[in-house]
Protein backbone atom coordinates (compact mmCIF):
# COMPACT_ATOMS: atom_id res chain seq x y z
CA MET A 1 -50.48 -15.68 -10.83
CA LYS A 2 -51.49 -12.56 -8.91
CA LYS A 3 -48.98 -13.47 -6.17
CA ALA A 4 -46.18 -13.82 -8.76
CA VAL A 5 -47.07 -10.45 -10.29
CA LEU A 6 -47.09 -8.85 -6.82
CA ILE A 7 -43.64 -10.29 -5.97
CA ALA A 8 -42.29 -9.12 -9.32
CA ALA A 9 -43.65 -5.63 -8.67
CA VAL A 10 -41.99 -5.53 -5.24
CA LEU A 11 -38.65 -6.62 -6.72
CA VAL A 12 -38.84 -4.04 -9.49
CA ALA A 13 -39.74 -1.31 -7.00
CA ALA A 14 -36.86 -2.31 -4.74
CA SER A 15 -34.43 -2.28 -7.66
CA VAL A 16 -35.63 1.12 -8.88
CA THR A 17 -35.39 2.51 -5.33
CA TRP A 18 -31.80 1.30 -5.01
CA LEU A 19 -30.81 2.68 -8.43
CA ASP A 20 -32.41 6.04 -7.62
CA ALA A 21 -30.51 6.10 -4.34
CA GLN A 22 -27.29 5.39 -6.25
CA ALA A 23 -27.95 8.29 -8.59
CA ASP A 24 -28.97 10.73 -5.88
CA ARG A 25 -26.45 9.89 -3.17
CA LYS A 26 -23.43 12.03 -2.43
CA VAL A 27 -19.99 11.11 -3.67
CA ARG A 28 -18.43 8.91 -0.98
CA VAL A 29 -14.76 9.62 -0.18
CA ALA A 30 -12.13 8.63 2.35
CA VAL A 31 -9.23 10.87 3.37
CA LEU A 32 -5.85 9.28 4.08
CA ASP A 33 -3.54 10.84 6.65
CA PHE A 34 -1.33 13.37 4.89
CA ASP A 35 2.30 12.47 4.28
CA PHE A 36 4.73 14.81 6.04
CA ALA A 37 8.07 13.16 5.28
CA THR A 38 9.50 16.23 3.52
CA VAL A 39 8.87 18.46 6.55
CA SER A 40 9.51 15.94 9.33
CA SER A 41 12.75 17.65 10.44
CA ASN A 42 10.90 20.96 10.79
CA VAL A 43 8.11 19.26 12.73
CA ALA A 44 10.57 17.61 15.12
CA ALA A 45 12.31 20.95 15.71
CA ILE A 46 9.06 22.81 16.33
CA PHE A 47 7.43 20.27 18.66
CA GLY A 48 10.51 18.63 20.12
CA THR A 49 9.56 15.26 18.59
CA ASN A 50 8.30 13.88 15.28
CA VAL A 51 4.59 14.56 15.83
CA ASP A 52 2.19 13.10 13.24
CA VAL A 53 1.01 16.41 11.82
CA GLY A 54 -0.40 14.54 8.81
CA LYS A 55 -3.11 13.05 11.00
CA GLY A 56 -3.89 16.50 12.41
CA VAL A 57 -4.30 17.99 8.92
CA THR A 58 -6.54 15.09 7.84
CA ASP A 59 -8.82 15.38 10.85
CA LEU A 60 -9.25 19.10 10.26
CA LEU A 61 -9.90 18.59 6.53
CA VAL A 62 -12.55 15.94 7.28
CA THR A 63 -14.26 18.38 9.65
CA TYR A 64 -14.51 21.03 6.92
CA LEU A 65 -15.74 18.55 4.28
CA VAL A 66 -18.41 17.14 6.59
CA LYS A 67 -19.61 20.63 7.56
CA ASP A 68 -19.92 21.61 3.89
CA GLY A 69 -21.88 18.47 3.02
CA SER A 70 -20.81 18.13 -0.63
CA TYR A 71 -19.22 14.76 0.07
CA SER A 72 -20.07 11.78 2.24
CA VAL A 73 -16.89 11.08 4.22
CA ILE A 74 -15.96 7.66 5.62
CA GLU A 75 -15.35 7.71 9.37
CA ARG A 76 -11.79 7.36 10.62
CA SER A 77 -12.56 4.22 12.63
CA VAL A 78 -13.62 2.39 9.45
CA LEU A 79 -10.57 3.63 7.57
CA ASP A 80 -8.17 2.73 10.39
CA LYS A 81 -9.57 -0.80 10.52
CA ILE A 82 -8.89 -1.38 6.82
CA LEU A 83 -5.41 0.16 7.09
CA ALA A 84 -4.56 -2.14 9.99
CA GLU A 85 -5.90 -5.23 8.21
CA GLN A 86 -3.90 -4.44 5.07
CA ASN A 87 -0.74 -3.37 6.96
CA PHE A 88 -0.83 -0.07 5.05
CA SER A 89 2.27 1.89 6.10
CA ASN A 90 2.67 5.63 6.53
CA SER A 91 5.11 5.67 3.62
CA ASP A 92 2.25 4.66 1.29
CA ARG A 93 0.13 7.69 2.14
CA ALA A 94 1.05 9.72 -0.95
CA ASP A 95 1.04 6.81 -3.43
CA SER A 96 -1.94 6.90 -5.80
CA SER A 97 -1.92 3.14 -6.50
CA SER A 98 -1.95 2.29 -2.79
CA ALA A 99 -4.67 4.86 -2.21
CA ALA A 100 -6.80 3.31 -4.97
CA LYS A 101 -6.41 -0.15 -3.42
CA ILE A 102 -7.60 1.13 -0.04
CA GLY A 103 -10.48 2.94 -1.74
CA LYS A 104 -11.70 -0.31 -3.29
CA LEU A 105 -11.66 -2.05 0.07
CA LEU A 106 -13.68 0.80 1.55
CA GLY A 107 -16.16 0.85 -1.32
CA VAL A 108 -15.81 4.61 -1.81
CA ASP A 109 -16.11 6.56 -5.07
CA ALA A 110 -12.74 8.27 -4.66
CA ILE A 111 -9.98 8.68 -2.12
CA ILE A 112 -8.14 11.82 -1.09
CA ALA A 113 -4.40 11.54 -0.48
CA GLY A 114 -2.12 14.46 0.25
CA SER A 115 1.20 15.82 1.43
CA ILE A 116 2.40 18.63 3.66
CA THR A 117 4.88 20.54 1.51
CA GLN A 118 5.73 23.37 3.90
CA PHE A 119 5.57 23.61 7.68
CA GLY A 120 7.65 26.31 9.27
CA ASN A 121 8.37 30.01 9.24
CA ASP A 122 9.47 32.89 7.05
CA THR A 123 12.53 33.75 9.13
CA LYS A 124 15.33 32.63 6.84
CA SER A 125 18.27 33.85 8.89
CA THR A 126 17.32 32.21 12.16
CA GLY A 127 17.68 28.48 12.73
CA ILE A 128 14.80 26.73 14.43
CA GLY A 129 15.46 26.34 18.12
CA GLY A 130 14.72 23.19 20.06
CA VAL A 131 12.55 22.89 23.11
CA GLY A 132 12.25 26.22 24.89
CA ALA A 133 12.55 26.68 28.59
CA GLY A 134 9.01 27.91 29.15
CA LEU A 135 5.95 26.60 27.32
CA GLY A 136 3.94 29.67 28.20
CA GLY A 137 6.63 32.09 27.04
CA ILE A 138 8.94 31.33 24.14
CA GLY A 139 7.58 27.78 23.99
CA LEU A 140 8.58 24.90 21.79
CA GLY A 141 10.41 25.87 18.60
CA GLY A 142 11.48 29.21 20.02
CA PHE A 143 13.27 31.85 17.95
CA GLY A 144 14.64 34.03 20.72
CA ARG A 145 13.64 37.64 20.27
CA LYS A 146 13.20 37.58 16.51
CA GLN A 147 9.63 37.86 15.26
CA THR A 148 8.44 35.37 12.67
CA LYS A 149 5.34 34.34 10.77
CA ALA A 150 4.22 30.73 10.34
CA ILE A 151 3.70 29.25 6.87
CA VAL A 152 2.02 25.94 5.97
CA GLY A 153 1.66 24.46 2.48
CA LEU A 154 -0.54 21.51 1.52
CA THR A 155 -1.36 19.58 -1.63
CA ALA A 156 -4.06 16.95 -2.13
CA ARG A 157 -5.02 14.59 -4.92
CA VAL A 158 -8.47 13.12 -5.52
CA VAL A 159 -7.82 9.61 -6.85
CA ASN A 160 -10.06 7.35 -8.94
CA ILE A 161 -10.08 4.01 -7.11
CA ASP A 162 -10.58 1.92 -10.26
CA THR A 163 -7.75 3.38 -12.38
CA ALA A 164 -5.58 5.24 -9.81
CA GLU A 165 -6.03 8.26 -12.09
CA ILE A 166 -5.71 11.64 -10.39
CA LEU A 167 -9.08 13.30 -10.97
CA ALA A 168 -8.29 16.61 -9.32
CA VAL A 169 -5.50 18.40 -7.48
CA ALA A 170 -6.07 20.88 -4.68
CA GLU A 171 -3.55 23.09 -2.91
CA GLY A 172 -3.74 25.15 0.24
CA MET A 173 -1.34 27.76 1.55
CA GLY A 174 -1.68 29.39 4.94
CA GLU A 175 0.35 32.20 6.43
CA SER A 176 -0.29 33.55 9.89
CA LYS A 177 -1.45 37.15 10.01
CA ARG A 178 0.42 37.60 13.28
CA THR A 179 4.06 37.27 14.22
CA SER A 180 5.65 35.82 17.31
CA THR A 181 9.00 34.83 18.74
CA SER A 182 7.79 31.21 18.59
CA LEU A 183 5.85 29.21 16.03
CA THR A 184 3.86 27.76 18.91
CA GLY A 185 3.29 31.16 20.47
CA GLY A 186 1.22 34.13 19.48
CA GLY A 187 -1.77 33.77 21.75
CA GLY A 188 -3.49 31.67 24.35
CA ASN A 189 -1.75 29.29 26.70
CA TRP A 190 -1.17 26.29 24.51
CA ARG A 191 1.02 23.84 26.37
CA GLY A 192 1.84 21.10 23.99
CA PHE A 193 0.27 17.89 22.86
CA GLY A 194 -0.51 14.38 23.96
CA ALA A 195 -0.28 10.82 22.66
CA GLY A 196 2.15 11.82 19.90
CA GLY A 197 -0.28 14.09 18.10
CA VAL A 198 -1.66 17.59 17.98
CA ASN A 199 -5.37 18.35 17.92
CA PHE A 200 -5.37 20.92 15.12
CA GLY A 201 -9.02 21.71 15.79
CA ALA A 202 -8.40 22.79 19.40
CA SER A 203 -8.81 26.53 19.98
CA ASP A 204 -5.62 26.74 22.02
CA PHE A 205 -3.58 25.32 19.14
CA GLN A 206 -5.30 27.53 16.57
CA ASN A 207 -4.38 30.54 18.69
CA THR A 208 -0.70 29.84 18.00
CA ILE A 209 0.76 31.25 14.79
CA ILE A 210 1.50 27.78 13.42
CA GLY A 211 -2.06 26.77 14.30
CA GLU A 212 -3.40 29.81 12.47
CA ALA A 213 -1.35 28.92 9.38
CA VAL A 214 -2.57 25.31 9.50
CA ARG A 215 -6.20 26.41 9.73
CA LEU A 216 -5.89 28.81 6.78
CA ALA A 217 -4.08 26.22 4.64
CA VAL A 218 -6.72 23.54 5.30
CA GLU A 219 -9.57 25.99 4.73
CA ASN A 220 -8.11 26.99 1.35
CA MET A 221 -7.49 23.39 0.34
CA SER A 222 -10.96 22.20 1.41
CA THR A 223 -12.55 25.00 -0.65
CA SER A 224 -10.60 23.79 -3.67
CA ILE A 225 -11.59 20.14 -3.10
CA ILE A 226 -15.24 21.12 -2.75
CA GLY A 227 -14.96 23.12 -5.97
CA GLU A 228 -13.72 20.00 -7.81
CA ARG A 229 -16.77 17.95 -6.77
CA GLY A 230 -18.02 17.80 -10.35
CA LYS A 231 -14.96 15.82 -11.45
CA VAL A 232 -15.80 12.91 -9.17
CA ALA A 233 -18.65 10.63 -10.23
CA VAL A 234 -20.73 8.26 -8.17
CA ARG A 235 -19.55 4.79 -9.12
CA GLU A 236 -22.04 2.40 -10.71
CA VAL A 237 -21.59 -0.71 -8.64
CA THR A 238 -22.57 -4.12 -10.00
CA ILE A 239 -22.74 -6.84 -7.37
CA ASP A 240 -22.52 -10.50 -8.38
CA GLY A 241 -22.15 -12.97 -5.52
CA LEU A 242 -23.58 -15.99 -3.77
CA VAL A 243 -25.45 -16.76 -0.56
CA ALA A 244 -22.89 -18.53 1.63
CA ALA A 245 -25.29 -19.36 4.47
CA VAL A 246 -28.80 -18.68 5.78
CA VAL A 247 -29.03 -18.08 9.51
CA ASP A 248 -32.53 -17.39 10.88
CA ARG A 249 -33.76 -14.33 8.98
CA GLN A 250 -30.34 -13.27 7.76
CA LEU A 251 -28.21 -14.19 4.76
CA ILE A 252 -24.41 -14.36 4.79
CA LEU A 253 -23.03 -13.27 1.41
CA ASN A 254 -19.65 -14.13 -0.10
CA VAL A 255 -19.10 -10.56 -1.33
CA GLY A 256 -18.21 -7.49 0.73
CA THR A 257 -16.92 -3.94 0.47
CA LYS A 258 -14.09 -5.06 -1.82
CA ALA A 259 -16.77 -5.86 -4.42
CA GLY A 260 -18.64 -2.61 -3.76
CA VAL A 261 -21.17 -3.85 -1.21
CA GLN A 262 -22.27 -1.14 1.21
CA VAL A 263 -24.48 -1.15 4.29
CA GLY A 264 -28.02 -0.14 3.32
CA MET A 265 -27.73 -1.52 -0.21
CA GLN A 266 -30.66 -3.65 -1.44
CA LEU A 267 -29.85 -6.71 -3.52
CA THR A 268 -31.91 -9.18 -5.50
CA VAL A 269 -31.54 -12.89 -4.71
CA GLN A 270 -32.08 -15.30 -7.59
CA ARG A 271 -31.90 -19.05 -8.09
CA VAL A 272 -30.55 -20.69 -11.22
CA THR A 273 -33.27 -23.02 -12.55
CA GLN A 274 -31.65 -24.21 -15.75
CA GLU A 275 -28.28 -24.10 -17.48
CA ILE A 276 -28.24 -23.98 -21.28
CA LYS A 277 -25.17 -25.57 -22.82
CA ASP A 278 -23.64 -25.22 -26.25
CA PRO A 279 -24.37 -28.58 -27.94
CA ALA A 280 -21.06 -28.42 -29.77
CA SER A 281 -18.66 -27.59 -26.92
CA GLY A 282 -20.72 -28.41 -23.85
CA ARG A 283 -19.96 -24.95 -22.47
CA VAL A 284 -22.68 -23.20 -20.46
CA ILE A 285 -23.89 -20.32 -22.61
CA ARG A 286 -26.82 -19.10 -20.54
CA ARG A 287 -28.33 -19.59 -17.09
CA LEU A 288 -32.05 -19.17 -16.52
CA ALA A 289 -32.97 -17.88 -13.06
CA SER A 290 -36.02 -16.98 -11.03
CA ASP A 291 -36.23 -14.32 -8.36
CA VAL A 292 -36.31 -15.53 -4.76
CA GLY A 293 -36.53 -12.18 -2.95
CA VAL A 294 -34.84 -8.98 -1.90
CA VAL A 295 -32.37 -8.43 0.96
CA ARG A 296 -30.85 -5.35 2.58
CA VAL A 297 -27.20 -5.28 3.70
CA VAL A 298 -26.83 -4.51 7.41
CA GLU A 299 -23.14 -5.35 7.91
CA ALA A 300 -20.16 -5.67 5.58
CA ASP A 301 -16.42 -6.23 5.69
CA ALA A 302 -13.94 -6.61 2.84
CA GLU A 303 -14.86 -10.18 1.91
CA SER A 304 -18.41 -10.81 3.17
CA ALA A 305 -21.69 -9.22 4.18
CA VAL A 306 -24.77 -9.86 6.31
CA ALA A 307 -28.21 -9.03 4.92
CA ASP A 308 -31.73 -8.92 6.34
CA ILE A 309 -34.63 -10.29 4.32
CA VAL A 310 -36.86 -7.58 2.86
CA SER A 311 -39.15 -9.84 0.86
CA GLY A 312 -39.36 -13.44 -0.31
CA SER A 313 -38.71 -16.78 1.39
CA GLY A 314 -36.99 -20.10 0.91
CA PHE A 315 -33.51 -18.64 0.50
CA GLN A 316 -30.77 -21.24 0.09
CA MET A 317 -27.01 -21.47 0.04
CA ASN A 318 -25.63 -20.91 -3.51
CA ASP A 319 -28.50 -18.64 -4.51
CA THR A 320 -27.05 -15.77 -6.56
CA VAL A 321 -27.03 -12.18 -5.28
CA LYS A 322 -27.13 -9.31 -7.74
CA SER A 323 -27.57 -5.55 -7.78
CA GLY A 324 -30.15 -3.68 -9.76
CA GLY A 325 -32.37 -6.72 -10.22
CA LYS A 326 -30.11 -8.03 -12.97
């Protein structure tokens, strides 16, 4: 009897600890690469090719959000893996429904999707030049002798992953304080980009007037997103799955991130001991279960998870796995 009471106490403590962690943890978000379709012609003219400036904006935004600490941000490698598995195209970046679907697979509380609405200059009378003769002088996107400022506009939406509802909208506008004869000029010796992208966090790029405008736009937008933190709630996740296999001291579960399972989460394992059926219809109306133990998730993908045993023994395939001790 004392042993049963002790096990029950451990299970209750584990459940309370997990629920407290749910309540206290930061809002978990993922940031999709920004869509830049509306400014792609400007981008191609400035850089000489259609550089993925959306990725550059996203990387810089993630840096600011992580530094602030208001949100817990999913790493790009995890996001990229899900995008590849789901064949999620660049054209879906700004779509709230697609963003919500990806958010569910990642097990986040919300997802941030955005667009680059402006990426160019304030010189209306001068057409954007192509590739300049000298990268250190006029540079790519040269404007001859005419001075110009760089302007970048961004908009972001914080999306509820369960309903695809837009919880908050944030905008960021950046205008370079300096002028130059080239959007990629203005300071330093920036000499282009590699692997089809621009590192927007690099000091050489930020010394250009377009880099300065990008930085200011992302800073303004990140401040707005951080200010909207109160509109995004930590999701209450209810896990209901089965033990698919027991291998040594680990359990393989038939639920994964798609169902809300996250690494570090503690789950209660139960075994159905009796099914109560409706005498009239024969339908199962209640299942009686006893607790087997507690496990902690150490690895998870979209459809499955691996968990270490925290307490208990005798785990079997088809045991149920639930959150919160329910």
